[in-house]
Amino acid sequence: MPVYFAMLMIAFCLGTTLAWVEARRKGLSERAILNLSLLIVFSALLGSKLFHVLFDGLSAYYVENPLEPLAFWRGGQVYYGGFLFAVLAAWGYCHLRSLPFWAVADCYSPAIALGLAFTRIGCFVSGCCYGKPTDSMVGIQYGRGYPATNAQIRDGLIAQDSTASLPIHATQLYESAGCFLIFLLLWFIYRKKQKADGGAFLLFGILYGIIRFMIEFLRDDPRGTIFLSWLSTSQAISLAVIGASMVAWRYLS
């Protein structure tokens, strides 16, 4: 079983458990949360794969390999695509079941942060979402056959017979650590002091958006650009998420 897929499953199981515990504390339907969790995972997988195909500059590859997007266990996913699809699915489900959307979203916020922390560990082991070369002491190297090594050989940064990449930023672990800190804040501090529904979800959006925007400057994997190549697609979405979360926070508070 690929490590990335294993981390996805761990993220789903832990996330569902945390959401269930929080829903029970809030007096929400536990069965509805379990059903919604299944809908969220399928929606997230669909959205993350769709965004990967559309925005990561690999459309030509997928034209030649049309069944490859179905292999979700191999990676090749865009978090924001999964996030947006999951939010839309959750909103629709809450509307149909007459559930308070913002309260439900708060239940999932710590779960999303912790799930992302585990998923990025899977990215690190698999070698995707890698960073730019660095001379600093935090640089790590991948062996032959990993995406970073292949890209550096292709770009002429290392010789064709190189057995390892140049030292690069472990951007996956940077993001994993950031998401774990967000989880600790939301689960152990903020949820005990929260007053209005939606606060935890919007705080996650702001904090993760900032972390993701900054880490994108250190990433070196192909993931699409926007605004005359000044920003990556994920940076543009991060800015939109931060702005929308701040506006919604002011409206709800």
Protein backbone atom coordinates (compact mmCIF):
# COMPACT_ATOMS: atom_id res chain seq x y z
CA MET A 1 0.00 0.00 0.00
CA PRO A 2 1.53 3.37 -0.97
CA VAL A 3 2.45 5.55 1.99
CA TYR A 4 0.51 8.49 0.56
CA PHE A 5 -2.70 6.45 0.41
CA ALA A 6 -2.10 5.19 3.96
CA MET A 7 -1.75 8.76 5.19
CA LEU A 8 -4.95 9.72 3.38
CA MET A 9 -6.79 6.94 5.20
CA ILE A 10 -5.31 7.97 8.55
CA ALA A 11 -6.35 11.56 7.87
CA PHE A 12 -9.90 10.48 7.02
CA CYS A 13 -10.28 8.26 10.09
CA LEU A 14 -8.85 10.82 12.51
CA GLY A 15 -10.77 13.64 10.89
CA THR A 16 -14.08 11.81 11.06
CA THR A 17 -13.47 10.91 14.70
CA LEU A 18 -12.65 14.49 15.68
CA ALA A 19 -15.65 15.85 13.79
CA TRP A 20 -17.91 13.28 15.47
CA VAL A 21 -16.60 14.19 18.94
CA GLU A 22 -17.10 17.90 18.29
CA ALA A 23 -20.57 17.36 16.82
CA ARG A 24 -21.56 15.42 19.91
CA ARG A 25 -20.28 18.24 22.13
CA LYS A 26 -22.32 20.76 20.13
CA GLY A 27 -25.46 18.63 20.20
CA LEU A 28 -25.51 18.00 16.44
CA SER A 29 -26.65 14.79 14.79
CA GLU A 30 -23.81 12.26 15.04
CA ARG A 31 -25.25 10.13 12.24
CA ALA A 32 -25.45 13.15 9.95
CA ILE A 33 -21.78 13.93 10.61
CA LEU A 34 -20.75 10.37 9.75
CA ASN A 35 -22.76 10.46 6.53
CA LEU A 36 -21.38 13.88 5.67
CA SER A 37 -17.83 12.64 6.24
CA LEU A 38 -18.25 10.05 3.49
CA LEU A 39 -19.64 12.69 1.14
CA ILE A 40 -16.76 15.02 1.98
CA VAL A 41 -14.04 12.48 1.28
CA PHE A 42 -15.44 11.60 -2.15
CA SER A 43 -16.01 15.26 -3.02
CA ALA A 44 -12.50 16.17 -1.87
CA LEU A 45 -10.90 13.41 -3.94
CA LEU A 46 -12.88 14.49 -7.00
CA GLY A 47 -12.08 18.18 -6.61
CA SER A 48 -8.40 17.66 -5.84
CA LYS A 49 -7.90 15.47 -8.91
CA LEU A 50 -9.87 17.83 -11.16
CA PHE A 51 -7.79 20.84 -10.09
CA HIS A 52 -4.60 18.83 -10.59
CA VAL A 53 -5.58 18.01 -14.16
CA LEU A 54 -6.69 21.57 -14.96
CA PHE A 55 -4.09 23.73 -13.23
CA ASP A 56 -0.85 21.80 -12.74
CA GLY A 57 0.25 22.03 -16.37
CA LEU A 58 -0.12 18.31 -17.01
CA SER A 59 -3.16 18.29 -19.30
CA ALA A 60 -1.15 16.84 -22.22
CA TYR A 61 -0.03 13.93 -20.04
CA TYR A 62 -3.59 13.14 -18.99
CA VAL A 63 -4.82 13.27 -22.58
CA GLU A 64 -2.39 10.44 -23.29
CA ASN A 65 -3.25 8.67 -20.01
CA PRO A 66 -6.98 9.35 -19.47
CA LEU A 67 -7.41 6.77 -16.70
CA GLU A 68 -4.54 8.09 -14.58
CA PRO A 69 -6.69 10.63 -12.66
CA LEU A 70 -8.68 7.71 -11.22
CA ALA A 71 -5.58 6.47 -9.38
CA PHE A 72 -6.03 8.83 -6.42
CA TRP A 73 -3.80 6.67 -4.21
CA ARG A 74 -0.76 7.72 -6.28
CA GLY A 75 -0.96 11.38 -5.32
CA GLY A 76 -1.29 14.08 -7.93
CA GLN A 77 -3.89 16.12 -6.08
CA VAL A 78 -4.49 19.80 -5.39
CA TYR A 79 -5.61 20.54 -1.84
CA TYR A 80 -7.64 23.63 -2.66
CA GLY A 81 -9.64 21.76 -5.28
CA GLY A 82 -10.60 19.18 -2.69
CA PHE A 83 -11.31 21.86 -0.11
CA LEU A 84 -13.63 23.85 -2.37
CA PHE A 85 -15.53 20.77 -3.54
CA ALA A 86 -15.85 19.51 0.04
CA VAL A 87 -17.19 22.86 1.26
CA LEU A 88 -19.77 22.98 -1.54
CA ALA A 89 -20.83 19.39 -0.83
CA ALA A 90 -21.11 20.12 2.90
CA TRP A 91 -23.15 23.26 2.26
CA GLY A 92 -25.55 21.36 0.03
CA TYR A 93 -25.88 18.52 2.53
CA CYS A 94 -26.52 20.90 5.43
CA HIS A 95 -29.13 22.75 3.36
CA LEU A 96 -30.97 19.52 2.51
CA ARG A 97 -30.81 18.19 6.08
CA SER A 98 -31.59 21.57 7.71
CA LEU A 99 -28.28 21.54 9.61
CA PRO A 100 -26.49 24.74 10.72
CA PHE A 101 -23.68 24.98 8.17
CA TRP A 102 -21.30 27.15 10.19
CA ALA A 103 -21.59 24.96 13.28
CA VAL A 104 -20.95 21.86 11.17
CA ALA A 105 -17.99 23.56 9.46
CA ASP A 106 -16.50 24.30 12.87
CA CYS A 107 -16.69 20.60 13.72
CA TYR A 108 -14.47 19.79 10.76
CA SER A 109 -11.93 22.61 11.10
CA PRO A 110 -9.53 20.93 13.57
CA ALA A 111 -10.02 17.70 11.62
CA ILE A 112 -8.99 19.33 8.35
CA ALA A 113 -5.85 20.78 9.93
CA LEU A 114 -4.79 17.47 11.48
CA GLY A 115 -5.66 15.56 8.33
CA LEU A 116 -3.50 17.90 6.26
CA ALA A 117 -0.61 17.41 8.67
CA PHE A 118 -0.68 13.65 8.04
CA THR A 119 -1.31 13.98 4.32
CA ARG A 120 1.75 16.19 3.85
CA ILE A 121 3.86 13.54 5.57
CA GLY A 122 2.63 11.20 2.85
CA CYS A 123 3.67 13.79 0.27
CA PHE A 124 7.13 13.95 1.83
CA VAL A 125 7.63 10.19 1.70
CA SER A 126 6.28 9.99 -1.86
CA GLY A 127 8.44 12.91 -2.98
CA CYS A 128 5.70 15.10 -4.45
CA CYS A 129 5.17 18.78 -3.58
CA TYR A 130 8.94 19.19 -3.20
CA GLY A 131 10.85 22.40 -2.59
CA LYS A 132 13.51 24.47 -4.29
CA PRO A 133 17.25 23.80 -3.91
CA THR A 134 18.82 25.26 -0.78
CA ASP A 135 22.29 25.51 0.76
CA SER A 136 20.88 25.78 4.28
CA MET A 137 21.19 23.11 6.95
CA VAL A 138 17.52 22.16 6.55
CA GLY A 139 18.00 20.85 3.02
CA ILE A 140 17.07 17.22 2.30
CA GLN A 141 17.90 15.02 -0.69
CA TYR A 142 15.82 12.52 -2.66
CA GLY A 143 17.23 9.47 -4.38
CA ARG A 144 17.15 8.58 -8.04
CA GLY A 145 13.68 8.15 -9.50
CA TYR A 146 11.95 10.68 -7.25
CA PRO A 147 10.20 13.68 -8.85
CA ALA A 148 12.72 16.24 -7.54
CA THR A 149 15.69 14.25 -8.84
CA ASN A 150 14.06 13.67 -12.21
CA ALA A 151 13.22 17.37 -12.56
CA GLN A 152 16.76 18.46 -11.71
CA ILE A 153 18.19 16.00 -14.26
CA ARG A 154 15.74 17.31 -16.87
CA ASP A 155 16.66 20.92 -16.11
CA GLY A 156 20.39 20.21 -16.26
CA LEU A 157 21.00 20.99 -12.58
CA ILE A 158 22.58 17.58 -11.96
CA ALA A 159 24.17 14.96 -14.19
CA GLN A 160 22.13 12.26 -15.92
CA ASP A 161 23.74 9.55 -13.79
CA SER A 162 23.19 11.35 -10.47
CA THR A 163 21.92 9.11 -7.69
CA ALA A 164 20.46 11.92 -5.56
CA SER A 165 18.97 15.37 -5.95
CA LEU A 166 20.50 18.61 -4.81
CA PRO A 167 19.51 19.52 -1.22
CA ILE A 168 16.02 21.02 -1.31
CA HIS A 169 13.50 22.54 1.08
CA ALA A 170 11.27 19.95 2.76
CA THR A 171 8.20 22.06 2.00
CA GLN A 172 5.89 19.13 2.76
CA LEU A 173 7.16 18.98 6.35
CA TYR A 174 7.00 22.77 6.71
CA GLU A 175 3.31 22.65 5.83
CA SER A 176 2.72 19.58 7.98
CA ALA A 177 4.19 21.36 11.01
CA GLY A 178 2.13 24.48 10.30
CA CYS A 179 -1.09 22.49 10.02
CA PHE A 180 -0.34 20.62 13.24
CA LEU A 181 0.08 23.94 15.04
CA ILE A 182 -3.25 25.13 13.61
CA PHE A 183 -4.85 21.93 14.91
CA LEU A 184 -3.44 22.48 18.40
CA LEU A 185 -4.74 26.06 18.41
CA LEU A 186 -8.23 25.14 17.21
CA TRP A 187 -8.69 22.00 19.30
CA PHE A 188 -7.13 22.90 22.62
CA ILE A 189 -7.56 26.68 22.79
CA TYR A 190 -9.96 28.33 20.38
CA ARG A 191 -12.93 25.93 20.56
CA LYS A 192 -13.15 26.44 24.31
CA LYS A 193 -13.42 30.21 23.90
CA GLN A 194 -15.40 30.41 20.67
CA LYS A 195 -18.60 32.44 20.80
CA ALA A 196 -20.07 32.59 17.29
CA ASP A 197 -20.51 29.64 14.92
CA GLY A 198 -18.13 29.72 11.99
CA GLY A 199 -15.21 31.22 13.88
CA ALA A 200 -13.07 28.08 13.93
CA PHE A 201 -13.65 27.38 10.24
CA LEU A 202 -12.82 30.94 9.21
CA LEU A 203 -9.77 31.08 11.48
CA PHE A 204 -8.51 27.92 9.82
CA GLY A 205 -9.03 29.50 6.40
CA ILE A 206 -7.03 32.58 7.37
CA LEU A 207 -4.16 30.75 9.07
CA TYR A 208 -3.80 28.02 6.48
CA GLY A 209 -4.05 30.55 3.66
CA ILE A 210 -1.15 32.53 5.13
CA ILE A 211 0.99 29.43 5.67
CA ARG A 212 0.28 28.07 2.20
CA PHE A 213 0.93 31.42 0.52
CA MET A 214 4.37 31.67 2.14
CA ILE A 215 5.40 28.05 1.55
CA GLU A 216 4.50 28.30 -2.14
CA PHE A 217 7.52 30.59 -2.61
CA LEU A 218 9.74 27.66 -1.64
CA ARG A 219 8.07 24.98 -3.77
CA ASP A 220 9.59 23.83 -7.04
CA ASP A 221 7.16 21.24 -8.38
CA PRO A 222 4.96 22.08 -11.41
CA ARG A 223 1.62 23.38 -10.13
CA GLY A 224 0.44 26.14 -12.47
CA THR A 225 0.77 29.93 -12.35
CA ILE A 226 -1.58 32.90 -12.62
CA PHE A 227 -1.36 36.70 -12.91
CA LEU A 228 1.50 36.79 -15.46
CA SER A 229 3.31 33.99 -13.58
CA TRP A 230 3.78 36.18 -10.49
CA LEU A 231 1.78 33.82 -8.30
CA SER A 232 1.08 30.12 -8.29
CA THR A 233 -2.52 29.01 -8.62
CA SER A 234 -2.52 28.02 -4.94
CA GLN A 235 -1.21 31.44 -3.91
CA ALA A 236 -4.01 33.17 -5.78
CA ILE A 237 -6.58 30.88 -4.16
CA SER A 238 -4.94 31.43 -0.75
CA LEU A 239 -5.40 35.19 -1.09
CA ALA A 240 -9.04 34.69 -2.07
CA VAL A 241 -9.64 32.35 0.89
CA ILE A 242 -7.97 34.74 3.32
CA GLY A 243 -10.00 37.68 2.05
CA ALA A 244 -13.31 35.79 2.01
CA SER A 245 -12.67 34.40 5.50
CA MET A 246 -11.94 37.84 6.92
CA VAL A 247 -15.08 39.31 5.37
CA ALA A 248 -17.21 36.42 6.62
CA TRP A 249 -15.64 36.67 10.09
CA ARG A 250 -16.65 40.32 10.34
CA TYR A 251 -20.15 39.49 9.12
CA LEU A 252 -20.66 36.64 11.61
CA SER A 253 -19.12 38.45 14.58
